[in-house]
Amino acid sequence: MSHYTEDELLLALLGEGGDPAVTAHLEKCPSCSAVSAELRQALDVVAAWSVPAVPEETWEARRVALMANLRAAPSVRLSARLAEGLRGVWNYALENPLPTLGYVAAAIAFASERTITVFRLDQILPGTNEVFEILRQVL
């Protein structure tokens, strides 16, 4: 008996497998059923995550503090710090291409609409749908 991969089982759990054979296989295969149960448990844990609401006053205080810091630093110094930071990122990417590709892949994965829906990011982070729409238009 051949087994399904974790990816195929996860897609079936998310309702995107489209293959009724996976469901039939799970009824017959204890090994795949156990993996599917673990994945379901992980999805349930993620679905139960909650993020406490941050009061509007806290956001405003952080915004004011950031703006004060930006205004205190001369624009030349700020742009030089940004350029230095980007240069450091670029150098890291050139020296470590595999981890960098991993970061890029993770960013793409988190930009997918399905990820936003499954992990309820649109409920946790206000404006996630708007960010996704901007990314869709840019890409």
N, C-alpha and C. Protein backbone atom coordinates (compact mmCIF):
# COMPACT_ATOMS: atom_id res chain seq x y z
N MET A 1 0.85 -1.18 0.00
CA MET A 1 0.00 0.00 0.00
C MET A 1 0.90 1.24 0.00
N SER A 2 0.65 2.14 -0.91
CA SER A 2 1.43 3.38 -0.93
C SER A 2 0.75 4.40 -0.02
N HIS A 3 1.55 5.31 0.49
CA HIS A 3 1.08 6.30 1.43
C HIS A 3 1.09 7.68 0.78
N TYR A 4 0.25 8.55 1.30
CA TYR A 4 0.20 9.93 0.83
C TYR A 4 1.24 10.75 1.59
N THR A 5 1.72 11.79 0.94
CA THR A 5 2.69 12.68 1.59
C THR A 5 1.95 13.58 2.58
N GLU A 6 2.72 14.20 3.47
CA GLU A 6 2.12 15.14 4.43
C GLU A 6 1.45 16.30 3.70
N ASP A 7 2.06 16.74 2.61
CA ASP A 7 1.47 17.84 1.83
C ASP A 7 0.11 17.45 1.28
N GLU A 8 0.01 16.23 0.73
CA GLU A 8 -1.27 15.78 0.18
C GLU A 8 -2.32 15.64 1.28
N LEU A 9 -1.91 15.13 2.44
CA LEU A 9 -2.84 14.99 3.56
C LEU A 9 -3.29 16.35 4.07
N LEU A 10 -2.34 17.30 4.13
CA LEU A 10 -2.69 18.64 4.59
C LEU A 10 -3.67 19.31 3.63
N LEU A 11 -3.43 19.17 2.34
CA LEU A 11 -4.35 19.74 1.36
C LEU A 11 -5.74 19.13 1.49
N ALA A 12 -5.79 17.83 1.77
CA ALA A 12 -7.09 17.18 1.96
C ALA A 12 -7.77 17.73 3.21
N LEU A 13 -7.00 17.95 4.28
CA LEU A 13 -7.58 18.51 5.51
C LEU A 13 -8.10 19.92 5.29
N LEU A 14 -7.41 20.67 4.45
CA LEU A 14 -7.82 22.04 4.17
C LEU A 14 -8.94 22.11 3.13
N GLY A 15 -9.31 20.94 2.61
CA GLY A 15 -10.39 20.90 1.63
C GLY A 15 -9.95 21.27 0.24
N GLU A 16 -8.64 21.17 -0.03
CA GLU A 16 -8.14 21.54 -1.34
C GLU A 16 -7.52 20.36 -2.07
N GLY A 17 -7.62 19.18 -1.50
CA GLY A 17 -7.02 18.01 -2.12
C GLY A 17 -7.72 17.62 -3.41
N GLY A 18 -9.04 17.74 -3.40
CA GLY A 18 -9.80 17.43 -4.59
C GLY A 18 -9.79 15.96 -4.96
N ASP A 19 -9.17 15.11 -4.15
CA ASP A 19 -9.07 13.69 -4.46
C ASP A 19 -9.80 12.89 -3.40
N PRO A 20 -10.96 12.35 -3.73
CA PRO A 20 -11.71 11.57 -2.74
C PRO A 20 -10.98 10.30 -2.33
N ALA A 21 -9.99 9.89 -3.12
CA ALA A 21 -9.22 8.69 -2.78
C ALA A 21 -8.45 8.89 -1.48
N VAL A 22 -8.08 10.14 -1.17
CA VAL A 22 -7.35 10.41 0.07
C VAL A 22 -8.23 10.05 1.26
N THR A 23 -9.47 10.47 1.24
CA THR A 23 -10.40 10.17 2.34
C THR A 23 -10.60 8.67 2.47
N ALA A 24 -10.76 7.99 1.35
CA ALA A 24 -10.94 6.54 1.39
C ALA A 24 -9.68 5.87 1.92
N HIS A 25 -8.52 6.37 1.53
CA HIS A 25 -7.25 5.81 1.99
C HIS A 25 -7.10 5.98 3.50
N LEU A 26 -7.51 7.13 4.03
CA LEU A 26 -7.38 7.38 5.46
C LEU A 26 -8.20 6.39 6.29
N GLU A 27 -9.31 5.93 5.73
CA GLU A 27 -10.13 4.96 6.45
C GLU A 27 -9.46 3.60 6.54
N LYS A 28 -8.57 3.30 5.60
CA LYS A 28 -7.92 1.99 5.54
C LYS A 28 -6.50 1.98 6.10
N CYS A 29 -5.84 3.14 6.12
CA CYS A 29 -4.41 3.18 6.46
C CYS A 29 -4.18 3.84 7.82
N PRO A 30 -3.80 3.06 8.82
CA PRO A 30 -3.57 3.65 10.14
C PRO A 30 -2.38 4.62 10.16
N SER A 31 -1.39 4.36 9.33
CA SER A 31 -0.21 5.23 9.30
C SER A 31 -0.58 6.63 8.79
N CYS A 32 -1.27 6.69 7.67
CA CYS A 32 -1.68 7.99 7.12
C CYS A 32 -2.73 8.65 8.01
N SER A 33 -3.58 7.85 8.64
CA SER A 33 -4.58 8.40 9.57
C SER A 33 -3.91 9.06 10.76
N ALA A 34 -2.83 8.45 11.25
CA ALA A 34 -2.11 9.03 12.38
C ALA A 34 -1.46 10.35 11.98
N VAL A 35 -0.85 10.38 10.79
CA VAL A 35 -0.23 11.63 10.31
C VAL A 35 -1.31 12.69 10.12
N SER A 36 -2.44 12.30 9.55
CA SER A 36 -3.54 13.24 9.34
C SER A 36 -4.07 13.78 10.66
N ALA A 37 -4.14 12.91 11.67
CA ALA A 37 -4.60 13.35 13.00
C ALA A 37 -3.63 14.35 13.60
N GLU A 38 -2.32 14.12 13.43
CA GLU A 38 -1.32 15.07 13.93
C GLU A 38 -1.45 16.42 13.23
N LEU A 39 -1.64 16.36 11.91
CA LEU A 39 -1.81 17.61 11.16
C LEU A 39 -3.08 18.34 11.60
N ARG A 40 -4.16 17.60 11.79
CA ARG A 40 -5.42 18.22 12.25
C ARG A 40 -5.21 18.87 13.61
N GLN A 41 -4.48 18.19 14.49
CA GLN A 41 -4.21 18.74 15.82
C GLN A 41 -3.40 20.03 15.71
N ALA A 42 -2.41 20.05 14.82
CA ALA A 42 -1.60 21.26 14.62
C ALA A 42 -2.47 22.39 14.07
N LEU A 43 -3.35 22.08 13.12
CA LEU A 43 -4.25 23.10 12.58
C LEU A 43 -5.19 23.64 13.65
N ASP A 44 -5.66 22.75 14.52
CA ASP A 44 -6.55 23.19 15.61
C ASP A 44 -5.82 24.11 16.58
N VAL A 45 -4.55 23.78 16.86
CA VAL A 45 -3.76 24.63 17.76
C VAL A 45 -3.57 26.01 17.14
N VAL A 46 -3.23 26.04 15.85
CA VAL A 46 -3.04 27.32 15.16
C VAL A 46 -4.35 28.10 15.12
N ALA A 47 -5.45 27.41 14.88
CA ALA A 47 -6.75 28.09 14.82
C ALA A 47 -7.13 28.68 16.18
N ALA A 48 -6.61 28.09 17.26
CA ALA A 48 -6.96 28.58 18.60
C ALA A 48 -6.07 29.74 19.06
N TRP A 49 -5.02 30.06 18.28
CA TRP A 49 -4.16 31.18 18.66
C TRP A 49 -4.98 32.45 18.77
N SER A 50 -4.62 33.23 19.73
CA SER A 50 -5.27 34.54 19.83
C SER A 50 -4.21 35.59 20.13
N VAL A 51 -4.44 36.74 19.65
CA VAL A 51 -3.54 37.87 19.87
C VAL A 51 -4.34 38.93 20.61
N PRO A 52 -3.84 39.35 21.77
CA PRO A 52 -4.59 40.37 22.50
C PRO A 52 -4.67 41.67 21.70
N ALA A 53 -5.78 42.32 21.82
CA ALA A 53 -5.97 43.59 21.14
C ALA A 53 -5.06 44.65 21.75
N VAL A 54 -4.46 45.45 20.90
CA VAL A 54 -3.61 46.53 21.36
C VAL A 54 -4.44 47.80 21.33
N PRO A 55 -4.54 48.48 22.46
CA PRO A 55 -5.35 49.70 22.49
C PRO A 55 -4.85 50.75 21.50
N GLU A 56 -5.76 51.52 20.96
CA GLU A 56 -5.42 52.57 20.00
C GLU A 56 -4.42 53.56 20.59
N GLU A 57 -4.54 53.82 21.89
CA GLU A 57 -3.60 54.76 22.54
C GLU A 57 -2.17 54.25 22.47
N THR A 58 -1.99 52.93 22.61
CA THR A 58 -0.64 52.34 22.53
C THR A 58 -0.07 52.51 21.14
N TRP A 59 -0.88 52.21 20.10
CA TRP A 59 -0.42 52.40 18.73
C TRP A 59 -0.04 53.86 18.48
N GLU A 60 -0.86 54.76 18.95
CA GLU A 60 -0.59 56.18 18.74
C GLU A 60 0.68 56.60 19.45
N ALA A 61 0.89 56.13 20.68
CA ALA A 61 2.10 56.48 21.42
C ALA A 61 3.34 55.96 20.70
N ARG A 62 3.27 54.75 20.16
CA ARG A 62 4.41 54.19 19.42
C ARG A 62 4.67 54.96 18.14
N ARG A 63 3.60 55.37 17.47
CA ARG A 63 3.75 56.15 16.24
C ARG A 63 4.41 57.49 16.54
N VAL A 64 3.95 58.15 17.60
CA VAL A 64 4.50 59.45 17.98
C VAL A 64 5.98 59.31 18.33
N ALA A 65 6.34 58.26 19.09
CA ALA A 65 7.74 58.04 19.46
C ALA A 65 8.60 57.78 18.22
N LEU A 66 8.10 56.99 17.29
CA LEU A 66 8.85 56.72 16.06
C LEU A 66 9.05 58.00 15.26
N MET A 67 7.99 58.78 15.11
CA MET A 67 8.10 60.02 14.35
C MET A 67 9.07 60.98 15.02
N ALA A 68 9.07 61.03 16.34
CA ALA A 68 10.02 61.90 17.06
C ALA A 68 11.45 61.47 16.79
N ASN A 69 11.68 60.15 16.79
CA ASN A 69 13.04 59.64 16.50
C ASN A 69 13.45 59.97 15.07
N LEU A 70 12.53 59.83 14.14
CA LEU A 70 12.85 60.13 12.74
C LEU A 70 13.12 61.62 12.54
N ARG A 71 12.36 62.46 13.22
CA ARG A 71 12.57 63.90 13.08
C ARG A 71 13.86 64.35 13.75
N ALA A 72 14.27 63.66 14.80
CA ALA A 72 15.49 64.03 15.51
C ALA A 72 16.73 63.69 14.69
N ALA A 73 16.65 62.66 13.85
CA ALA A 73 17.80 62.27 13.04
C ALA A 73 17.77 63.02 11.72
N PRO A 74 18.88 63.60 11.32
CA PRO A 74 18.92 64.27 10.02
C PRO A 74 18.62 63.26 8.91
N SER A 75 17.97 63.71 7.85
CA SER A 75 17.56 62.80 6.78
C SER A 75 18.75 62.11 6.12
N VAL A 76 19.90 62.79 6.05
CA VAL A 76 21.08 62.17 5.46
C VAL A 76 21.50 60.99 6.31
N ARG A 77 21.49 61.18 7.61
CA ARG A 77 21.89 60.10 8.50
C ARG A 77 20.91 58.94 8.40
N LEU A 78 19.62 59.25 8.28
CA LEU A 78 18.60 58.21 8.18
C LEU A 78 18.78 57.43 6.88
N SER A 79 18.97 58.14 5.77
CA SER A 79 19.14 57.43 4.50
C SER A 79 20.44 56.62 4.49
N ALA A 80 21.47 57.14 5.14
CA ALA A 80 22.73 56.39 5.23
C ALA A 80 22.53 55.12 6.05
N ARG A 81 21.75 55.21 7.14
CA ARG A 81 21.48 54.01 7.95
C ARG A 81 20.68 52.99 7.17
N LEU A 82 19.69 53.46 6.39
CA LEU A 82 18.90 52.55 5.57
C LEU A 82 19.77 51.88 4.51
N ALA A 83 20.62 52.67 3.84
CA ALA A 83 21.50 52.11 2.82
C ALA A 83 22.46 51.10 3.43
N GLU A 84 22.98 51.39 4.61
CA GLU A 84 23.89 50.47 5.29
C GLU A 84 23.17 49.17 5.65
N GLY A 85 21.94 49.30 6.12
CA GLY A 85 21.16 48.11 6.45
C GLY A 85 20.87 47.27 5.22
N LEU A 86 20.50 47.90 4.12
CA LEU A 86 20.24 47.17 2.88
C LEU A 86 21.51 46.53 2.34
N ARG A 87 22.63 47.22 2.49
CA ARG A 87 23.91 46.65 2.05
C ARG A 87 24.22 45.40 2.85
N GLY A 88 23.95 45.44 4.15
CA GLY A 88 24.17 44.27 5.00
C GLY A 88 23.29 43.11 4.59
N VAL A 89 22.02 43.39 4.27
CA VAL A 89 21.11 42.33 3.82
C VAL A 89 21.60 41.75 2.50
N TRP A 90 22.01 42.62 1.58
CA TRP A 90 22.50 42.16 0.28
C TRP A 90 23.74 41.28 0.45
N ASN A 91 24.67 41.71 1.28
CA ASN A 91 25.88 40.92 1.52
C ASN A 91 25.55 39.56 2.13
N TYR A 92 24.60 39.55 3.06
CA TYR A 92 24.18 38.28 3.66
C TYR A 92 23.59 37.36 2.59
N ALA A 93 22.75 37.94 1.70
CA ALA A 93 22.12 37.13 0.65
C ALA A 93 23.17 36.54 -0.29
N LEU A 94 24.21 37.31 -0.60
CA LEU A 94 25.25 36.79 -1.48
C LEU A 94 26.08 35.70 -0.79
N GLU A 95 26.33 35.85 0.49
CA GLU A 95 27.14 34.88 1.22
C GLU A 95 26.35 33.64 1.63
N ASN A 96 25.04 33.76 1.78
CA ASN A 96 24.20 32.66 2.25
C ASN A 96 22.98 32.50 1.34
N PRO A 97 23.17 32.02 0.12
CA PRO A 97 22.03 31.98 -0.82
C PRO A 97 20.91 31.03 -0.40
N LEU A 98 21.24 29.88 0.19
CA LEU A 98 20.18 28.93 0.53
C LEU A 98 19.26 29.45 1.63
N PRO A 99 19.79 29.96 2.76
CA PRO A 99 18.86 30.52 3.74
C PRO A 99 18.07 31.70 3.19
N THR A 100 18.69 32.49 2.34
CA THR A 100 18.00 33.63 1.74
C THR A 100 16.84 33.14 0.88
N LEU A 101 17.05 32.10 0.11
CA LEU A 101 15.96 31.54 -0.69
C LEU A 101 14.85 31.02 0.22
N GLY A 102 15.24 30.47 1.37
CA GLY A 102 14.24 30.02 2.33
C GLY A 102 13.40 31.18 2.84
N TYR A 103 14.05 32.29 3.15
CA TYR A 103 13.32 33.47 3.62
C TYR A 103 12.37 33.99 2.54
N VAL A 104 12.86 34.00 1.30
CA VAL A 104 12.02 34.46 0.19
C VAL A 104 10.82 33.52 0.02
N ALA A 105 11.08 32.22 0.10
CA ALA A 105 9.98 31.25 -0.03
C ALA A 105 8.96 31.43 1.09
N ALA A 106 9.46 31.67 2.31
CA ALA A 106 8.55 31.89 3.43
C ALA A 106 7.72 33.16 3.21
N ALA A 107 8.35 34.20 2.70
CA ALA A 107 7.61 35.44 2.44
C ALA A 107 6.53 35.22 1.38
N ILE A 108 6.86 34.44 0.36
CA ILE A 108 5.86 34.16 -0.68
C ILE A 108 4.73 33.33 -0.10
N ALA A 109 5.08 32.35 0.73
CA ALA A 109 4.05 31.50 1.33
C ALA A 109 3.11 32.33 2.19
N PHE A 110 3.66 33.25 2.97
CA PHE A 110 2.81 34.06 3.83
C PHE A 110 2.05 35.12 3.07
N ALA A 111 2.42 35.33 1.82
CA ALA A 111 1.67 36.29 1.02
C ALA A 111 0.49 35.63 0.30
N SER A 112 0.42 34.31 0.39
CA SER A 112 -0.67 33.64 -0.33
C SER A 112 -2.00 33.86 0.37
N GLU A 113 -2.99 33.96 -0.43
CA GLU A 113 -4.33 34.24 0.09
C GLU A 113 -4.82 33.11 0.98
N ARG A 114 -4.50 31.88 0.63
CA ARG A 114 -4.95 30.72 1.42
C ARG A 114 -4.33 30.76 2.82
N THR A 115 -3.06 31.13 2.91
CA THR A 115 -2.40 31.21 4.21
C THR A 115 -3.08 32.24 5.08
N ILE A 116 -3.42 33.37 4.50
CA ILE A 116 -4.08 34.43 5.26
C ILE A 116 -5.41 33.92 5.80
N THR A 117 -6.14 33.18 4.98
CA THR A 117 -7.44 32.67 5.40
C THR A 117 -7.30 31.58 6.44
N VAL A 118 -6.42 30.60 6.20
CA VAL A 118 -6.28 29.46 7.11
C VAL A 118 -5.82 29.90 8.49
N PHE A 119 -4.84 30.77 8.54
CA PHE A 119 -4.30 31.20 9.82
C PHE A 119 -5.02 32.42 10.38
N ARG A 120 -6.12 32.80 9.73
CA ARG A 120 -6.96 33.90 10.16
C ARG A 120 -6.17 35.19 10.39
N LEU A 121 -5.17 35.41 9.55
CA LEU A 121 -4.35 36.62 9.69
C LEU A 121 -5.18 37.87 9.46
N ASP A 122 -6.23 37.73 8.64
CA ASP A 122 -7.07 38.89 8.37
C ASP A 122 -7.82 39.33 9.62
N GLN A 123 -8.02 38.41 10.57
CA GLN A 123 -8.68 38.76 11.83
C GLN A 123 -7.66 39.22 12.88
N ILE A 124 -6.45 38.66 12.82
CA ILE A 124 -5.43 38.98 13.81
C ILE A 124 -4.77 40.33 13.51
N LEU A 125 -4.42 40.53 12.25
CA LEU A 125 -3.72 41.75 11.85
C LEU A 125 -4.64 42.59 10.98
N PRO A 126 -5.09 43.72 11.49
CA PRO A 126 -5.97 44.57 10.67
C PRO A 126 -5.23 45.02 9.41
N GLY A 127 -5.94 45.03 8.32
CA GLY A 127 -5.35 45.50 7.08
C GLY A 127 -4.63 44.44 6.28
N THR A 128 -4.67 43.17 6.73
CA THR A 128 -3.98 42.11 6.00
C THR A 128 -4.54 41.96 4.59
N ASN A 129 -5.86 42.04 4.46
CA ASN A 129 -6.47 41.90 3.14
C ASN A 129 -6.01 43.02 2.21
N GLU A 130 -5.88 44.23 2.75
CA GLU A 130 -5.43 45.35 1.93
C GLU A 130 -3.98 45.13 1.47
N VAL A 131 -3.14 44.63 2.38
CA VAL A 131 -1.74 44.36 2.03
C VAL A 131 -1.69 43.30 0.94
N PHE A 132 -2.52 42.27 1.07
CA PHE A 132 -2.54 41.22 0.05
C PHE A 132 -2.97 41.78 -1.30
N GLU A 133 -3.96 42.65 -1.30
CA GLU A 133 -4.40 43.25 -2.56
C GLU A 133 -3.27 44.07 -3.20
N ILE A 134 -2.53 44.79 -2.39
CA ILE A 134 -1.40 45.58 -2.92
C ILE A 134 -0.35 44.64 -3.50
N LEU A 135 -0.02 43.55 -2.77
CA LEU A 135 0.95 42.59 -3.27
C LEU A 135 0.47 41.97 -4.59
N ARG A 136 -0.81 41.67 -4.68
CA ARG A 136 -1.36 41.06 -5.90
C ARG A 136 -1.20 42.04 -7.06
N GLN A 137 -1.42 43.32 -6.83
CA GLN A 137 -1.31 44.30 -7.90
C GLN A 137 0.14 44.51 -8.31
N VAL A 138 1.05 44.47 -7.33
CA VAL A 138 2.47 44.67 -7.63
C VAL A 138 3.04 43.48 -8.35
N LEU A 139 2.68 42.28 -7.88
CA LEU A 139 3.24 41.07 -8.49
C LEU A 139 2.44 40.69 -9.70
